[in-house]
PDB file of N, CA and C in Angstrom:
ATOM      1  N   MET A   1     124.826 177.374 147.236  1.00  0.00           N
ATOM      2  CA  MET A   1     124.372 177.761 148.556  1.00  0.00           C
ATOM      3  C   MET A   1     123.020 178.480 148.418  1.00  0.00           C
ATOM      4  N   VAL A   2     122.102 178.147 149.262  1.00  0.00           N
ATOM      5  CA  VAL A   2     120.772 178.744 149.221  1.00  0.00           C
ATOM      6  C   VAL A   2     120.776 180.053 150.005  1.00  0.00           C
ATOM      7  N   LYS A   3     120.353 181.124 149.352  1.00  0.00           N
ATOM      8  CA  LYS A   3     120.267 182.442 149.993  1.00  0.00           C
ATOM      9  C   LYS A   3     118.911 182.648 150.647  1.00  0.00           C
ATOM     10  N   LYS A   4     117.837 182.244 149.931  1.00  0.00           N
ATOM     11  CA  LYS A   4     116.494 182.344 150.495  1.00  0.00           C
ATOM     12  C   LYS A   4     115.550 181.442 149.722  1.00  0.00           C
ATOM     13  N   VAL A   5     114.444 181.122 150.370  1.00  0.00           N
ATOM     14  CA  VAL A   5     113.417 180.276 149.771  1.00  0.00           C
ATOM     15  C   VAL A   5     112.091 180.994 149.932  1.00  0.00           C
ATOM     16  N   HIS A   6     111.309 181.009 148.856  1.00  0.00           N
ATOM     17  CA  HIS A   6     110.004 181.665 148.889  1.00  0.00           C
ATOM     18  C   HIS A   6     108.981 180.738 148.261  1.00  0.00           C
ATOM     19  N   TYR A   7     107.841 180.603 148.922  1.00  0.00           N
ATOM     20  CA  TYR A   7     106.737 179.814 148.365  1.00  0.00           C
ATOM     21  C   TYR A   7     105.560 180.735 148.113  1.00  0.00           C
ATOM     22  N   ASP A   8     105.088 180.751 146.868  1.00  0.00           N
ATOM     23  CA  ASP A   8     103.932 181.564 146.491  1.00  0.00           C
ATOM     24  C   ASP A   8     102.712 180.653 146.441  1.00  0.00           C
ATOM     25  N   LEU A   9     101.868 180.762 147.450  1.00  0.00           N
ATOM     26  CA  LEU A   9     100.694 179.910 147.594  1.00  0.00           C
ATOM     27  C   LEU A   9      99.705 180.092 146.441  1.00  0.00           C
ATOM     28  N   GLU A  10      99.562 181.319 145.965  1.00  0.00           N
ATOM     29  CA  GLU A  10      98.577 181.593 144.905  1.00  0.00           C
ATOM     30  C   GLU A  10      98.884 180.856 143.608  1.00  0.00           C
ATOM     31  N   VAL A  11     100.160 180.746 143.265  1.00  0.00           N
ATOM     32  CA  VAL A  11     100.534 180.073 142.017  1.00  0.00           C
ATOM     33  C   VAL A  11     101.216 178.729 142.259  1.00  0.00           C
ATOM     34  N   ASP A  12     101.391 178.360 143.533  1.00  0.00           N
ATOM     35  CA  ASP A  12     101.973 177.074 143.936  1.00  0.00           C
ATOM     36  C   ASP A  12     103.368 176.868 143.359  1.00  0.00           C
ATOM     37  N   ILE A  13     104.208 177.900 143.517  1.00  0.00           N
ATOM     38  CA  ILE A  13     105.595 177.821 143.043  1.00  0.00           C
ATOM     39  C   ILE A  13     106.540 178.031 144.220  1.00  0.00           C
ATOM     40  N   LEU A  14     107.511 177.115 144.344  1.00  0.00           N
ATOM     41  CA  LEU A  14     108.584 177.251 145.323  1.00  0.00           C
ATOM     42  C   LEU A  14     109.775 177.834 144.589  1.00  0.00           C
ATOM     43  N   TYR A  15     110.312 178.927 145.113  1.00  0.00           N
ATOM     44  CA  TYR A  15     111.440 179.585 144.462  1.00  0.00           C
ATOM     45  C   TYR A  15     112.632 179.580 145.406  1.00  0.00           C
ATOM     46  N   ILE A  16     113.742 179.047 144.929  1.00  0.00           N
ATOM     47  CA  ILE A  16     114.969 178.971 145.712  1.00  0.00           C
ATOM     48  C   ILE A  16     115.986 179.905 145.074  1.00  0.00           C
ATOM     49  N   VAL A  17     116.435 180.896 145.840  1.00  0.00           N
ATOM     50  CA  VAL A  17     117.439 181.845 145.359  1.00  0.00           C
ATOM     51  C   VAL A  17     118.810 181.346 145.792  1.00  0.00           C
ATOM     52  N   THR A  18     119.706 181.186 144.826  1.00  0.00           N
ATOM     53  CA  THR A  18     121.057 180.735 145.141  1.00  0.00           C
ATOM     54  C   THR A  18     122.093 181.850 145.010  1.00  0.00           C
ATOM     55  N   LYS A  19     121.723 182.882 144.266  1.00  0.00           N
ATOM     56  CA  LYS A  19     122.641 183.995 144.038  1.00  0.00           C
ATOM     57  C   LYS A  19     121.810 185.215 143.659  1.00  0.00           C
ATOM     58  N   GLU A  20     122.105 186.340 144.257  1.00  0.00           N
ATOM     59  CA  GLU A  20     121.401 187.571 143.906  1.00  0.00           C
ATOM     60  C   GLU A  20     121.898 188.068 142.554  1.00  0.00           C
ATOM     61  N   GLY A  21     120.977 188.579 141.746  1.00  0.00           N
ATOM     62  CA  GLY A  21     121.371 189.139 140.469  1.00  0.00           C
ATOM     63  C   GLY A  21     120.349 188.871 139.393  1.00  0.00           C
ATOM     64  N   PRO A  22     120.574 189.444 138.223  1.00  0.00           N
ATOM     65  CA  PRO A  22     119.611 189.298 137.132  1.00  0.00           C
ATOM     66  C   PRO A  22     119.633 187.891 136.532  1.00  0.00           C
ATOM     67  N   VAL A  23     118.483 187.499 136.011  1.00  0.00           N
ATOM     68  CA  VAL A  23     118.344 186.222 135.317  1.00  0.00           C
ATOM     69  C   VAL A  23     118.459 186.483 133.824  1.00  0.00           C
ATOM     70  N   ASP A  24     119.409 185.801 133.168  1.00  0.00           N
ATOM     71  CA  ASP A  24     119.604 185.982 131.732  1.00  0.00           C
ATOM     72  C   ASP A  24     119.053 184.827 130.904  1.00  0.00           C
ATOM     73  N   ASP A  25     118.862 183.667 131.533  1.00  0.00           N
ATOM     74  CA  ASP A  25     118.359 182.516 130.794  1.00  0.00           C
ATOM     75  C   ASP A  25     117.661 181.571 131.779  1.00  0.00           C
ATOM     76  N   THR A  26     116.689 180.853 131.285  1.00  0.00           N
ATOM     77  CA  THR A  26     115.982 179.857 132.086  1.00  0.00           C
ATOM     78  C   THR A  26     115.924 178.565 131.287  1.00  0.00           C
ATOM     79  N   ILE A  27     116.290 177.462 131.946  1.00  0.00           N
ATOM     80  CA  ILE A  27     116.243 176.173 131.269  1.00  0.00           C
ATOM     81  C   ILE A  27     115.301 175.236 132.009  1.00  0.00           C
ATOM     82  N   LEU A  28     114.643 174.374 131.253  1.00  0.00           N
ATOM     83  CA  LEU A  28     113.768 173.369 131.838  1.00  0.00           C
ATOM     84  C   LEU A  28     114.643 172.191 132.240  1.00  0.00           C
ATOM     85  N   ALA A  29     114.724 171.920 133.550  1.00  0.00           N
ATOM     86  CA  ALA A  29     115.556 170.836 134.051  1.00  0.00           C
ATOM     87  C   ALA A  29     114.786 169.525 134.136  1.00  0.00           C
ATOM     88  N   ASP A  30     113.492 169.626 134.407  1.00  0.00           N
ATOM     89  CA  ASP A  30     112.626 168.461 134.561  1.00  0.00           C
ATOM     90  C   ASP A  30     111.191 168.976 134.513  1.00  0.00           C
ATOM     91  N   ASP A  31     110.227 168.079 134.514  1.00  0.00           N
ATOM     92  CA  ASP A  31     108.842 168.538 134.563  1.00  0.00           C
ATOM     93  C   ASP A  31     108.667 169.453 135.773  1.00  0.00           C
ATOM     94  N   ASP A  32     108.178 170.641 135.553  1.00  0.00           N
ATOM     95  CA  ASP A  32     107.883 171.609 136.608  1.00  0.00           C
ATOM     96  C   ASP A  32     109.102 172.144 137.345  1.00  0.00           C
ATOM     97  N   VAL A  33     110.317 171.939 136.825  1.00  0.00           N
ATOM     98  CA  VAL A  33     111.531 172.453 137.473  1.00  0.00           C
ATOM     99  C   VAL A  33     112.303 173.292 136.462  1.00  0.00           C
ATOM    100  N   TYR A  34     112.495 174.565 136.825  1.00  0.00           N
ATOM    101  CA  TYR A  34     113.196 175.501 135.953  1.00  0.00           C
ATOM    102  C   TYR A  34     114.430 176.040 136.670  1.00  0.00           C
ATOM    103  N   ILE A  35     115.550 176.078 135.961  1.00  0.00           N
ATOM    104  CA  ILE A  35     116.799 176.598 136.498  1.00  0.00           C
ATOM    105  C   ILE A  35     117.053 177.947 135.840  1.00  0.00           C
ATOM    106  N   GLU A  36     117.263 178.968 136.670  1.00  0.00           N
ATOM    107  CA  GLU A  36     117.527 180.310 136.160  1.00  0.00           C
ATOM    108  C   GLU A  36     119.031 180.591 136.251  1.00  0.00           C
ATOM    109  N   LEU A  37     119.578 181.118 135.161  1.00  0.00           N
ATOM    110  CA  LEU A  37     121.013 181.346 135.057  1.00  0.00           C
ATOM    111  C   LEU A  37     121.332 182.816 134.843  1.00  0.00           C
ATOM    112  N   ASP A  38     122.501 183.238 135.329  1.00  0.00           N
ATOM    113  CA  ASP A  38     122.961 184.595 135.054  1.00  0.00           C
ATOM    114  C   ASP A  38     123.724 184.597 133.728  1.00  0.00           C
ATOM    115  N   GLY A  39     124.304 185.716 133.368  1.00  0.00           N
ATOM    116  CA  GLY A  39     125.013 185.858 132.096  1.00  0.00           C
ATOM    117  C   GLY A  39     126.232 184.972 131.961  1.00  0.00           C
ATOM    118  N   ASN A  40     126.776 184.491 133.088  1.00  0.00           N
ATOM    119  CA  ASN A  40     127.948 183.620 133.067  1.00  0.00           C
ATOM    120  C   ASN A  40     127.587 182.141 133.174  1.00  0.00           C
ATOM    121  N   GLY A  41     126.290 181.842 133.176  1.00  0.00           N
ATOM    122  CA  GLY A  41     125.858 180.452 133.278  1.00  0.00           C
ATOM    123  C   GLY A  41     125.772 179.919 134.695  1.00  0.00           C
ATOM    124  N   ASN A  42     125.909 180.814 135.680  1.00  0.00           N
ATOM    125  CA  ASN A  42     125.794 180.407 137.081  1.00  0.00           C
ATOM    126  C   ASN A  42     124.326 180.341 137.485  1.00  0.00           C
ATOM    127  N   VAL A  43     123.992 179.386 138.330  1.00  0.00           N
ATOM    128  CA  VAL A  43     122.620 179.240 138.795  1.00  0.00           C
ATOM    129  C   VAL A  43     122.273 180.397 139.724  1.00  0.00           C
ATOM    130  N   VAL A  44     121.198 181.104 139.389  1.00  0.00           N
ATOM    131  CA  VAL A  44     120.697 182.221 140.188  1.00  0.00           C
ATOM    132  C   VAL A  44     119.516 181.766 141.042  1.00  0.00           C
ATOM    133  N   GLY A  45     118.702 180.887 140.463  1.00  0.00           N
ATOM    134  CA  GLY A  45     117.538 180.419 141.194  1.00  0.00           C
ATOM    135  C   GLY A  45     116.954 179.164 140.584  1.00  0.00           C
ATOM    136  N   ILE A  46     116.079 178.539 141.359  1.00  0.00           N
ATOM    137  CA  ILE A  46     115.382 177.342 140.922  1.00  0.00           C
ATOM    138  C   ILE A  46     113.899 177.550 141.206  1.00  0.00           C
ATOM    139  N   GLU A  47     113.075 177.337 140.200  1.00  0.00           N
ATOM    140  CA  GLU A  47     111.619 177.415 140.363  1.00  0.00           C
ATOM    141  C   GLU A  47     111.050 176.013 140.272  1.00  0.00           C
ATOM    142  N   ILE A  48     110.218 175.659 141.239  1.00  0.00           N
ATOM    143  CA  ILE A  48     109.535 174.374 141.218  1.00  0.00           C
ATOM    144  C   ILE A  48     108.045 174.653 141.163  1.00  0.00           C
ATOM    145  N   TRP A  49     107.457 174.367 140.023  1.00  0.00           N
ATOM    146  CA  TRP A  49     106.027 174.590 139.830  1.00  0.00           C
ATOM    147  C   TRP A  49     105.258 173.409 140.404  1.00  0.00           C
ATOM    148  N   ARG A  50     103.991 173.624 140.729  1.00  0.00           N
ATOM    149  CA  ARG A  50     103.147 172.628 141.383  1.00  0.00           C
ATOM    150  C   ARG A  50     103.868 172.075 142.616  1.00  0.00           C
ATOM    151  N   ALA A  51     104.436 172.989 143.384  1.00  0.00           N
ATOM    152  CA  ALA A  51     105.277 172.632 144.528  1.00  0.00           C
ATOM    153  C   ALA A  51     104.538 171.802 145.566  1.00  0.00           C
ATOM    154  N   SER A  52     103.254 172.070 145.752  1.00  0.00           N
ATOM    155  CA  SER A  52     102.524 171.303 146.765  1.00  0.00           C
ATOM    156  C   SER A  52     102.507 169.819 146.411  1.00  0.00           C
ATOM    157  N   ALA A  53     102.399 169.485 145.151  1.00  0.00           N
ATOM    158  CA  ALA A  53     102.403 168.082 144.732  1.00  0.00           C
ATOM    159  C   ALA A  53     103.826 167.547 144.563  1.00  0.00           C
ATOM    160  N   ASN A  54     104.721 168.363 144.035  1.00  0.00           N
ATOM    161  CA  ASN A  54     106.077 167.901 143.734  1.00  0.00           C
ATOM    162  C   ASN A  54     107.014 167.879 144.939  1.00  0.00           C
ATOM    163  N   ILE A  55     106.801 168.752 145.915  1.00  0.00           N
ATOM    164  CA  ILE A  55     107.727 168.848 147.036  1.00  0.00           C
ATOM    165  C   ILE A  55     107.034 168.657 148.375  1.00  0.00           C
ATOM    166  N   VAL A  56     106.066 169.476 148.674  1.00  0.00           N
ATOM    167  CA  VAL A  56     105.481 169.537 150.008  1.00  0.00           C
ATOM    168  C   VAL A  56     104.857 168.207 150.417  1.00  0.00           C
ATOM    169  N   GLU A  57     104.034 167.618 149.557  1.00  0.00           N
ATOM    170  CA  GLU A  57     103.384 166.352 149.909  1.00  0.00           C
ATOM    171  C   GLU A  57     104.408 165.246 150.118  1.00  0.00           C
ATOM    172  N   ASN A  58     105.402 165.159 149.239  1.00  0.00           N
ATOM    173  CA  ASN A  58     106.440 164.133 149.372  1.00  0.00           C
ATOM    174  C   ASN A  58     107.279 164.339 150.631  1.00  0.00           C
ATOM    175  N   LEU A  59     107.612 165.568 150.916  1.00  0.00           N
ATOM    176  CA  LEU A  59     108.387 165.869 152.113  1.00  0.00           C
ATOM    177  C   LEU A  59     107.597 165.525 153.371  1.00  0.00           C
ATOM    178  N   ALA A  60     106.320 165.839 153.387  1.00  0.00           N
ATOM    179  CA  ALA A  60     105.474 165.512 154.539  1.00  0.00           C
ATOM    180  C   ALA A  60     105.408 164.000 154.750  1.00  0.00           C
ATOM    181  N   LYS A  61     105.340 163.235 153.671  1.00  0.00           N
ATOM    182  CA  LYS A  61     105.311 161.770 153.783  1.00  0.00           C
ATOM    183  C   LYS A  61     106.611 161.243 154.384  1.00  0.00           C
ATOM    184  N   VAL A  62     107.735 161.759 153.947  1.00  0.00           N
ATOM    185  CA  VAL A  62     109.031 161.317 154.461  1.00  0.00           C
ATOM    186  C   VAL A  62     109.165 161.660 155.944  1.00  0.00           C
ATOM    187  N   ILE A  63     108.796 162.874 156.308  1.00  0.00           N
ATOM    188  CA  ILE A  63     108.874 163.288 157.716  1.00  0.00           C
ATOM    189  C   ILE A  63     107.962 162.426 158.575  1.00  0.00           C
ATOM    190  N   SER A  64     106.755 162.192 158.109  1.00  0.00           N
ATOM    191  CA  SER A  64     105.802 161.375 158.855  1.00  0.00           C
ATOM    192  C   SER A  64     106.330 159.956 159.059  1.00  0.00           C
ATOM    193  N   LYS A  65     106.890 159.377 158.011  1.00  0.00           N
ATOM    194  CA  LYS A  65     107.443 158.021 158.097  1.00  0.00           C
ATOM    195  C   LYS A  65     108.581 157.964 159.106  1.00  0.00           C
ATOM    196  N   ARG A  66     109.480 158.929 159.046  1.00  0.00           N
ATOM    197  CA  ARG A  66     110.623 158.929 159.970  1.00  0.00           C
ATOM    198  C   ARG A  66     110.186 159.141 161.411  1.00  0.00           C
ATOM    199  N   LEU A  67     109.179 159.974 161.622  1.00  0.00           N
ATOM    200  CA  LEU A  67     108.660 160.169 162.980  1.00  0.00           C
ATOM    201  C   LEU A  67     108.036 158.886 163.509  1.00  0.00           C
ATOM    202  N   ARG A  68     107.268 158.192 162.655  1.00  0.00           N
ATOM    203  CA  ARG A  68     106.670 156.913 163.074  1.00  0.00           C
ATOM    204  C   ARG A  68     107.748 155.898 163.422  1.00  0.00           C
ATOM    205  N   GLU A  69     108.830 155.862 162.645  1.00  0.00           N
ATOM    206  CA  GLU A  69     109.941 154.944 162.926  1.00  0.00           C
ATOM    207  C   GLU A  69     110.588 155.279 164.269  1.00  0.00           C
ATOM    208  N   GLN A  70     110.775 156.564 164.539  1.00  0.00           N
ATOM    209  CA  GLN A  70     111.380 156.981 165.804  1.00  0.00           C
ATOM    210  C   GLN A  70     110.498 156.625 166.979  1.00  0.00           C
ATOM    211  N   ILE A  71     109.197 156.797 166.832  1.00  0.00           N
ATOM    212  CA  ILE A  71     108.263 156.484 167.909  1.00  0.00           C
ATOM    213  C   ILE A  71     108.303 154.983 168.187  1.00  0.00           C
ATOM    214  N   THR A  72     108.352 154.173 167.130  1.00  0.00           N
ATOM    215  CA  THR A  72     108.398 152.723 167.274  1.00  0.00           C
ATOM    216  C   THR A  72     109.670 152.277 167.981  1.00  0.00           C
ATOM    217  N   VAL A  73     110.803 152.901 167.655  1.00  0.00           N
ATOM    218  CA  VAL A  73     112.093 152.546 168.249  1.00  0.00           C
ATOM    219  C   VAL A  73     112.123 152.890 169.728  1.00  0.00           C
ATOM    220  N   THR A  74     111.526 153.997 170.128  1.00  0.00           N
ATOM    221  CA  THR A  74     111.594 154.445 171.511  1.00  0.00           C
ATOM    222  C   THR A  74     110.583 153.767 172.422  1.00  0.00           C
ATOM    223  N   LYS A  75     109.626 153.015 171.860  1.00  0.00           N
ATOM    224  CA  LYS A  75     108.626 152.339 172.700  1.00  0.00           C
ATOM    225  C   LYS A  75     109.187 151.099 173.343  1.00  0.00           C
TER     226      LYS A  75
END
């Protein structure tokens, strides 16, 4: 469950908090994606580096495409 989401424009990192608490370990899940774990191995947060390229641009494309499809259907 997502508790909060924070985007740091200066460093272009999207941070998703799933659980409050200290981070004991961080693993590389994929290029530019880091999973932060607590002492019990539970996910505490997810960091997505280069978020503007990895998330924001792709999300904007999907939203734009779906809006165009909706406009076409309603005409």
